[in-house]
N, C-alpha and C. Protein backbone atom coordinates (compact mmCIF):
# COMPACT_ATOMS: atom_id res chain seq x y z
N MET A 1 0.81 -1.18 0.00
CA MET A 1 0.00 0.00 0.00
C MET A 1 0.86 1.24 0.00
N LEU A 2 1.99 1.20 0.68
CA LEU A 2 2.88 2.35 0.74
C LEU A 2 3.38 2.73 -0.65
N GLY A 3 3.68 1.76 -1.47
CA GLY A 3 4.13 2.03 -2.83
C GLY A 3 3.04 2.70 -3.64
N LEU A 4 1.79 2.31 -3.42
CA LEU A 4 0.67 2.90 -4.15
C LEU A 4 0.46 4.36 -3.76
N SER A 5 0.62 4.68 -2.47
CA SER A 5 0.41 6.06 -2.05
C SER A 5 1.53 6.96 -2.53
N LEU A 6 2.73 6.45 -2.71
CA LEU A 6 3.81 7.26 -3.25
C LEU A 6 3.61 7.52 -4.73
N ALA A 7 3.06 6.54 -5.42
CA ALA A 7 2.84 6.68 -6.85
C ALA A 7 1.66 7.60 -7.12
N CYS A 8 0.67 7.63 -6.26
CA CYS A 8 -0.53 8.46 -6.41
C CYS A 8 -0.63 9.38 -5.20
N PRO A 9 0.06 10.51 -5.21
CA PRO A 9 0.02 11.37 -4.03
C PRO A 9 -1.35 11.97 -3.76
N SER A 10 -2.25 11.99 -4.73
CA SER A 10 -3.56 12.57 -4.49
C SER A 10 -4.46 11.64 -3.69
N LEU A 11 -4.09 10.38 -3.56
CA LEU A 11 -4.87 9.43 -2.78
C LEU A 11 -4.66 9.72 -1.30
N CYS A 12 -5.73 9.90 -0.58
CA CYS A 12 -5.64 10.24 0.83
C CYS A 12 -6.28 9.12 1.64
N LEU A 13 -5.58 8.65 2.64
CA LEU A 13 -6.09 7.56 3.43
C LEU A 13 -6.99 8.06 4.56
N ALA A 14 -6.77 9.28 5.05
CA ALA A 14 -7.59 9.83 6.13
C ALA A 14 -8.34 11.04 5.60
N GLN A 15 -9.55 11.21 6.07
CA GLN A 15 -10.32 12.36 5.61
C GLN A 15 -10.00 13.56 6.50
N THR A 16 -9.86 14.71 5.86
CA THR A 16 -9.61 15.95 6.59
C THR A 16 -10.76 16.91 6.33
N GLU A 17 -10.92 17.87 7.25
CA GLU A 17 -11.96 18.86 7.05
C GLU A 17 -11.52 19.81 5.94
N PRO A 18 -12.48 20.31 5.16
CA PRO A 18 -12.10 21.24 4.09
C PRO A 18 -11.57 22.55 4.69
N GLU A 19 -10.63 23.15 3.98
CA GLU A 19 -10.08 24.42 4.45
C GLU A 19 -11.14 25.50 4.36
N PRO A 20 -11.10 26.48 5.28
CA PRO A 20 -12.10 27.56 5.22
C PRO A 20 -11.92 28.40 3.96
N SER A 21 -13.03 28.86 3.44
CA SER A 21 -12.97 29.72 2.26
C SER A 21 -13.14 31.17 2.71
N ILE A 22 -12.96 32.09 1.78
CA ILE A 22 -13.10 33.51 2.09
C ILE A 22 -14.50 33.81 2.60
N ASN A 23 -15.50 33.09 2.12
CA ASN A 23 -16.89 33.33 2.53
C ASN A 23 -17.12 33.00 4.00
N ASP A 24 -16.27 32.16 4.58
CA ASP A 24 -16.41 31.83 6.00
C ASP A 24 -16.06 33.03 6.89
N TYR A 25 -15.28 33.98 6.34
CA TYR A 25 -14.85 35.13 7.12
C TYR A 25 -15.68 36.39 6.85
N LEU A 26 -16.47 36.38 5.81
CA LEU A 26 -17.29 37.53 5.45
C LEU A 26 -18.63 37.49 6.17
N PRO A 27 -19.21 38.66 6.46
CA PRO A 27 -20.54 38.65 7.08
C PRO A 27 -21.56 38.10 6.10
N PRO A 28 -22.62 37.53 6.62
CA PRO A 28 -23.63 36.98 5.71
C PRO A 28 -24.19 38.11 4.84
N SER A 29 -24.31 37.83 3.56
CA SER A 29 -24.78 38.86 2.64
C SER A 29 -26.30 38.80 2.51
N GLU A 30 -26.82 39.89 1.96
CA GLU A 30 -28.25 39.93 1.70
C GLU A 30 -28.58 38.92 0.60
N PRO A 31 -29.78 38.38 0.63
CA PRO A 31 -30.14 37.47 -0.45
C PRO A 31 -30.16 38.24 -1.78
N GLU A 32 -29.85 37.55 -2.83
CA GLU A 32 -29.82 38.20 -4.14
C GLU A 32 -31.21 38.72 -4.49
N ILE A 33 -31.22 39.87 -5.15
CA ILE A 33 -32.50 40.45 -5.54
C ILE A 33 -32.87 39.96 -6.93
N THR A 34 -34.14 40.01 -7.21
CA THR A 34 -34.60 39.58 -8.53
C THR A 34 -34.32 40.69 -9.53
N ARG A 35 -34.43 40.36 -10.78
CA ARG A 35 -34.22 41.34 -11.85
C ARG A 35 -35.24 42.48 -11.74
N ASP A 36 -36.49 42.15 -11.42
CA ASP A 36 -37.51 43.19 -11.28
C ASP A 36 -37.22 44.11 -10.09
N GLU A 37 -36.75 43.53 -8.97
CA GLU A 37 -36.38 44.36 -7.82
C GLU A 37 -35.22 45.29 -8.16
N TRP A 38 -34.24 44.78 -8.92
CA TRP A 38 -33.10 45.58 -9.34
C TRP A 38 -33.57 46.73 -10.23
N ARG A 39 -34.45 46.45 -11.17
CA ARG A 39 -34.99 47.50 -12.05
C ARG A 39 -35.75 48.54 -11.24
N GLN A 40 -36.50 48.10 -10.23
CA GLN A 40 -37.25 49.03 -9.39
C GLN A 40 -36.30 49.95 -8.62
N ARG A 41 -35.21 49.38 -8.13
CA ARG A 41 -34.22 50.21 -7.43
C ARG A 41 -33.63 51.27 -8.36
N ILE A 42 -33.35 50.89 -9.58
CA ILE A 42 -32.80 51.83 -10.57
C ILE A 42 -33.82 52.94 -10.85
N GLU A 43 -35.06 52.57 -11.04
CA GLU A 43 -36.11 53.57 -11.30
C GLU A 43 -36.29 54.50 -10.10
N ASP A 44 -36.24 53.97 -8.89
CA ASP A 44 -36.35 54.80 -7.69
C ASP A 44 -35.19 55.79 -7.61
N ALA A 45 -33.99 55.32 -7.92
CA ALA A 45 -32.82 56.20 -7.88
C ALA A 45 -32.94 57.30 -8.93
N ARG A 46 -33.41 56.96 -10.12
CA ARG A 46 -33.61 57.97 -11.17
C ARG A 46 -34.64 59.01 -10.74
N ARG A 47 -35.72 58.55 -10.13
CA ARG A 47 -36.77 59.46 -9.67
C ARG A 47 -36.22 60.42 -8.62
N ARG A 48 -35.45 59.88 -7.66
CA ARG A 48 -34.86 60.74 -6.62
C ARG A 48 -33.89 61.75 -7.22
N ALA A 49 -33.10 61.33 -8.21
CA ALA A 49 -32.15 62.24 -8.86
C ALA A 49 -32.89 63.36 -9.58
N LYS A 50 -34.00 63.04 -10.24
CA LYS A 50 -34.78 64.07 -10.93
C LYS A 50 -35.40 65.03 -9.93
N GLU A 51 -35.86 64.53 -8.78
CA GLU A 51 -36.44 65.39 -7.74
C GLU A 51 -35.39 66.36 -7.20
N VAL A 52 -34.21 65.87 -6.96
CA VAL A 52 -33.13 66.73 -6.45
C VAL A 52 -32.76 67.77 -7.49
N SER A 53 -32.69 67.35 -8.74
CA SER A 53 -32.36 68.28 -9.83
C SER A 53 -33.41 69.38 -9.93
N ARG A 54 -34.67 69.01 -9.85
CA ARG A 54 -35.75 69.99 -9.92
C ARG A 54 -35.68 70.93 -8.73
N GLU A 55 -35.44 70.40 -7.55
CA GLU A 55 -35.33 71.21 -6.34
C GLU A 55 -34.20 72.24 -6.47
N ARG A 56 -33.07 71.81 -7.02
CA ARG A 56 -31.94 72.73 -7.19
C ARG A 56 -32.26 73.83 -8.19
N ARG A 57 -33.01 73.49 -9.25
CA ARG A 57 -33.39 74.50 -10.24
C ARG A 57 -34.40 75.48 -9.66
N GLU A 58 -35.36 75.00 -8.88
CA GLU A 58 -36.41 75.85 -8.34
C GLU A 58 -35.94 76.71 -7.17
N HIS A 59 -34.94 76.25 -6.42
CA HIS A 59 -34.46 76.98 -5.25
C HIS A 59 -32.93 77.05 -5.25
N PRO A 60 -32.34 77.74 -6.23
CA PRO A 60 -30.86 77.77 -6.29
C PRO A 60 -30.24 78.48 -5.08
N GLU A 61 -31.01 79.37 -4.44
CA GLU A 61 -30.47 80.10 -3.29
C GLU A 61 -30.11 79.16 -2.13
N LEU A 62 -30.75 78.01 -2.07
CA LEU A 62 -30.46 77.04 -1.01
C LEU A 62 -29.15 76.30 -1.24
N TYR A 63 -28.64 76.37 -2.46
CA TYR A 63 -27.47 75.57 -2.81
C TYR A 63 -26.24 76.41 -3.13
N LYS A 64 -26.33 77.73 -2.91
CA LYS A 64 -25.17 78.58 -3.14
C LYS A 64 -24.14 78.32 -2.05
N PRO A 65 -22.86 78.31 -2.42
CA PRO A 65 -21.85 78.11 -1.38
C PRO A 65 -21.83 79.31 -0.44
N ILE A 66 -21.55 79.04 0.80
CA ILE A 66 -21.47 80.10 1.80
C ILE A 66 -20.11 80.77 1.65
N PRO A 67 -20.11 82.07 1.39
CA PRO A 67 -18.81 82.75 1.22
C PRO A 67 -18.05 82.77 2.54
N GLU A 68 -16.74 82.58 2.41
CA GLU A 68 -15.91 82.59 3.60
C GLU A 68 -15.61 84.04 3.99
N ASP A 69 -15.56 84.29 5.26
CA ASP A 69 -15.22 85.61 5.77
C ASP A 69 -13.73 85.84 5.53
N PRO A 70 -13.36 86.81 4.68
CA PRO A 70 -11.94 87.01 4.38
C PRO A 70 -11.11 87.36 5.61
N ASP A 71 -11.71 88.08 6.57
CA ASP A 71 -10.96 88.41 7.79
C ASP A 71 -10.66 87.16 8.60
N LEU A 72 -11.63 86.26 8.68
CA LEU A 72 -11.42 85.02 9.41
C LEU A 72 -10.36 84.16 8.73
N VAL A 73 -10.42 84.10 7.40
CA VAL A 73 -9.44 83.31 6.64
C VAL A 73 -8.04 83.87 6.87
N ALA A 74 -7.91 85.20 6.80
CA ALA A 74 -6.59 85.82 7.01
C ALA A 74 -6.08 85.57 8.42
N SER A 75 -6.97 85.66 9.41
CA SER A 75 -6.55 85.42 10.80
C SER A 75 -6.08 83.98 10.98
N GLU A 76 -6.81 83.04 10.43
CA GLU A 76 -6.42 81.63 10.52
C GLU A 76 -5.07 81.39 9.85
N ARG A 77 -4.88 82.01 8.69
CA ARG A 77 -3.62 81.84 7.97
C ARG A 77 -2.46 82.40 8.81
N LEU A 78 -2.70 83.54 9.43
CA LEU A 78 -1.67 84.16 10.26
C LEU A 78 -1.34 83.30 11.48
N LEU A 79 -2.37 82.78 12.12
CA LEU A 79 -2.15 81.95 13.31
C LEU A 79 -1.47 80.63 12.98
N ASN A 80 -1.60 80.17 11.74
CA ASN A 80 -1.00 78.89 11.34
C ASN A 80 0.30 79.06 10.58
N ASP A 81 0.80 80.28 10.47
CA ASP A 81 2.03 80.54 9.71
C ASP A 81 3.24 80.11 10.54
N ASP A 82 3.89 79.02 10.12
CA ASP A 82 5.05 78.50 10.85
C ASP A 82 6.31 79.34 10.65
N SER A 83 6.30 80.23 9.67
CA SER A 83 7.51 81.02 9.40
C SER A 83 7.62 82.25 10.30
N LEU A 84 6.56 82.60 11.04
CA LEU A 84 6.62 83.78 11.91
C LEU A 84 7.63 83.58 13.02
N GLN A 85 8.39 84.63 13.28
CA GLN A 85 9.36 84.62 14.37
C GLN A 85 9.09 85.82 15.26
N ARG A 86 9.49 85.70 16.50
CA ARG A 86 9.30 86.79 17.47
C ARG A 86 9.89 88.08 16.90
N GLY A 87 9.10 89.15 16.92
CA GLY A 87 9.55 90.45 16.41
C GLY A 87 9.07 90.74 14.99
N ASP A 88 8.54 89.72 14.30
CA ASP A 88 8.01 89.96 12.95
C ASP A 88 6.82 90.90 13.02
N ILE A 89 6.67 91.75 12.00
CA ILE A 89 5.56 92.68 11.93
C ILE A 89 4.61 92.21 10.84
N VAL A 90 3.33 92.19 11.15
CA VAL A 90 2.32 91.80 10.16
C VAL A 90 1.35 92.95 9.99
N ALA A 91 0.86 93.12 8.76
CA ALA A 91 -0.10 94.18 8.45
C ALA A 91 -1.46 93.54 8.23
N THR A 92 -2.49 94.11 8.88
CA THR A 92 -3.85 93.62 8.73
C THR A 92 -4.77 94.81 8.46
N LYS A 93 -6.05 94.54 8.26
CA LYS A 93 -7.02 95.62 8.08
C LYS A 93 -7.13 96.47 9.34
N LYS A 94 -6.79 95.89 10.47
CA LYS A 94 -6.90 96.61 11.74
C LYS A 94 -5.60 97.30 12.14
N GLY A 95 -4.60 97.24 11.29
CA GLY A 95 -3.34 97.91 11.58
C GLY A 95 -2.16 96.96 11.55
N MET A 96 -1.02 97.48 12.08
CA MET A 96 0.22 96.70 12.08
C MET A 96 0.42 96.12 13.48
N PHE A 97 0.91 94.87 13.51
CA PHE A 97 1.11 94.17 14.77
C PHE A 97 2.49 93.53 14.79
N VAL A 98 3.06 93.45 15.99
CA VAL A 98 4.34 92.77 16.20
C VAL A 98 4.03 91.43 16.83
N TYR A 99 4.65 90.40 16.28
CA TYR A 99 4.45 89.06 16.83
C TYR A 99 5.37 88.90 18.04
N GLN A 100 4.79 88.63 19.21
CA GLN A 100 5.55 88.50 20.46
C GLN A 100 5.54 87.06 20.99
N GLY A 101 4.97 86.14 20.25
CA GLY A 101 4.89 84.76 20.72
C GLY A 101 6.20 84.02 20.57
N ARG A 102 6.19 82.79 20.95
CA ARG A 102 7.37 81.93 20.86
C ARG A 102 7.10 80.82 19.85
N SER A 103 8.14 80.42 19.12
CA SER A 103 7.96 79.43 18.06
C SER A 103 7.57 78.06 18.59
N GLU A 104 7.95 77.74 19.82
CA GLU A 104 7.63 76.41 20.37
C GLU A 104 6.23 76.34 20.99
N GLN A 105 5.52 77.47 21.00
CA GLN A 105 4.18 77.50 21.58
C GLN A 105 3.14 77.78 20.49
N PRO A 106 1.92 77.29 20.68
CA PRO A 106 0.87 77.61 19.70
C PRO A 106 0.58 79.11 19.71
N ARG A 107 0.24 79.64 18.54
CA ARG A 107 -0.06 81.07 18.43
C ARG A 107 -1.44 81.38 18.98
N ARG A 108 -1.53 82.56 19.60
CA ARG A 108 -2.81 83.04 20.12
C ARG A 108 -2.97 84.48 19.69
N ASP A 109 -4.19 84.98 19.75
CA ASP A 109 -4.45 86.37 19.34
C ASP A 109 -3.62 87.37 20.12
N HIS A 110 -3.45 87.14 21.41
CA HIS A 110 -2.72 88.12 22.22
C HIS A 110 -1.21 88.08 22.01
N ASP A 111 -0.71 87.17 21.14
CA ASP A 111 0.71 87.17 20.77
C ASP A 111 1.02 88.31 19.80
N PHE A 112 -0.02 88.95 19.26
CA PHE A 112 0.16 90.02 18.29
C PHE A 112 -0.17 91.35 18.97
N VAL A 113 0.84 92.18 19.15
CA VAL A 113 0.71 93.44 19.86
C VAL A 113 0.69 94.57 18.83
N PRO A 114 -0.26 95.52 18.94
CA PRO A 114 -0.30 96.62 17.99
C PRO A 114 1.01 97.42 18.00
N VAL A 115 1.48 97.79 16.79
CA VAL A 115 2.70 98.57 16.68
C VAL A 115 2.49 99.95 17.30
N ASN A 116 1.36 100.57 16.99
CA ASN A 116 1.03 101.89 17.54
C ASN A 116 -0.36 101.77 18.14
N PRO A 117 -0.49 101.39 19.41
CA PRO A 117 -1.80 101.13 20.00
C PRO A 117 -2.77 102.30 19.89
N LYS A 118 -2.29 103.55 19.82
CA LYS A 118 -3.17 104.70 19.76
C LYS A 118 -3.93 104.76 18.43
N SER A 119 -3.33 104.21 17.35
CA SER A 119 -3.98 104.30 16.05
C SER A 119 -5.02 103.20 15.83
N VAL A 120 -5.03 102.20 16.70
CA VAL A 120 -5.99 101.11 16.56
C VAL A 120 -7.33 101.54 17.14
N ARG A 121 -8.40 101.31 16.41
CA ARG A 121 -9.72 101.75 16.87
C ARG A 121 -10.52 100.60 17.39
């Protein structure tokens, strides 16, 4: 018998459990839908897309982007500027300011001191 098993390596004398497949590790899936259910889903999606399109045409004011406040954008850019060093002067709509903060600390509004406090309103 040993000679036969060497000649036919695919012959197995003991039964083993089948190896797990990828499906054994995946969550159970939804049952397959019928062709008619699939078509209904497509039609529902088309209907919803047309409704949204009509809504956007009828009320464009609801979909306009909100303009960013330029002062807020400039302030954020200034507070996030890694190149600022103590003593740097920055010009803003509210006047000129000297940066008094430290590079190893996060920037705060009070790190910027007015160059001429009397001219600031």
